[in-house]
Protein backbone atom coordinates (compact mmCIF):
# COMPACT_ATOMS: atom_id res chain seq x y z
CA UNK A 1 -11.81 -4.53 -8.23
CA UNK A 2 -8.93 -2.44 -6.84
CA UNK A 3 -5.56 -4.03 -6.31
CA UNK A 4 -3.06 -3.06 -3.69
CA UNK A 5 0.48 -4.40 -3.25
CA UNK A 6 1.01 -5.60 0.20
CA UNK A 7 4.53 -5.77 1.83
CA UNK A 8 5.81 -7.38 4.95
CA UNK A 9 3.05 -9.92 5.24
CA UNK A 10 3.61 -13.37 6.82
CA UNK A 11 1.80 -15.18 3.95
CA UNK A 12 1.57 -13.44 0.63
CA UNK A 13 -1.06 -15.87 -0.47
CA UNK A 14 -4.19 -15.99 1.57
CA UNK A 15 -7.18 -16.10 -0.78
CA UNK A 16 -9.57 -16.10 2.23
CA UNK A 17 -8.83 -12.40 2.66
CA UNK A 18 -8.27 -11.57 -1.04
CA UNK A 19 -4.48 -11.74 -0.86
CA UNK A 20 -2.86 -13.41 -3.85
CA UNK A 21 0.86 -13.18 -4.74
CA UNK A 22 1.25 -10.23 -2.39
CA UNK A 23 -1.68 -8.31 -3.97
CA UNK A 24 -4.88 -7.48 -2.07
CA UNK A 25 -8.02 -7.23 -4.26
CA UNK A 26 -10.97 -5.27 -2.88
CA UNK A 27 -14.22 -4.65 -4.71
CA UNK A 28 -14.85 -0.98 -5.44
CA UNK A 29 -18.38 -1.05 -3.97
CA UNK A 30 -16.85 -2.26 -0.68
CA UNK A 31 -14.30 0.50 -0.57
CA UNK A 32 -17.02 3.07 -1.33
CA UNK A 33 -19.41 1.77 1.37
CA UNK A 34 -16.82 1.13 4.05
CA UNK A 35 -14.29 3.91 3.45
CA UNK A 36 -15.60 6.79 1.43
CA UNK A 37 -19.38 6.91 2.29
CA UNK A 38 -18.90 7.31 6.06
CA UNK A 39 -16.31 10.12 5.52
CA UNK A 40 -18.55 11.98 3.00
CA UNK A 41 -21.56 11.56 5.36
CA UNK A 42 -19.54 13.18 8.13
CA UNK A 43 -18.26 16.00 5.95
CA UNK A 44 -21.85 16.72 4.80
CA UNK A 45 -23.17 16.66 8.42
CA UNK A 46 -20.44 19.08 9.57
CA UNK A 47 -21.23 21.43 6.62
CA UNK A 48 -24.92 21.26 7.41
CA UNK A 49 -24.24 22.01 11.11
CA UNK A 50 -22.07 25.02 10.17
CA UNK A 51 -24.67 26.25 7.70
CA UNK A 52 -27.36 26.24 10.38
CA UNK A 53 -25.10 28.28 12.74
CA UNK A 54 -24.64 30.97 10.10
CA UNK A 55 -28.32 31.61 9.74
CA UNK A 56 -28.33 33.03 6.32
CA UNK A 57 -27.78 31.91 2.74
CA UNK A 58 -24.31 30.63 1.86
CA UNK A 59 -23.18 31.39 -1.67
CA UNK A 60 -19.80 29.75 -1.64
CA UNK A 61 -18.04 27.07 0.38
CA UNK A 62 -14.30 26.53 0.53
CA UNK A 63 -13.11 23.01 1.48
CA UNK A 64 -9.43 22.35 2.14
CA UNK A 65 -7.31 19.20 2.30
CA UNK A 66 -6.56 16.39 -0.12
CA UNK A 67 -10.04 14.82 0.08
CA UNK A 68 -11.69 18.15 -0.80
CA UNK A 69 -10.54 17.62 -4.34
CA UNK A 70 -12.55 14.39 -4.70
CA UNK A 71 -15.21 14.42 -7.31
CA UNK A 72 -17.17 11.99 -5.18
CA UNK A 73 -17.32 14.38 -2.25
């Protein structure tokens, strides 16, 4: 479970959405499936598309941006 502090919410206790005492709890597998996997899939598809355009072997790849440092990616 990952826990996030939520500010400026009308009701800081809404267990039906996982909000308890102003803290939202989200299972890690849900974050991976709904947030990270779609982004990783898109990045990999874009890399594959660019690699096909080059038409020869690629020995190195440079990714930029904060998410490029992700071990998961």
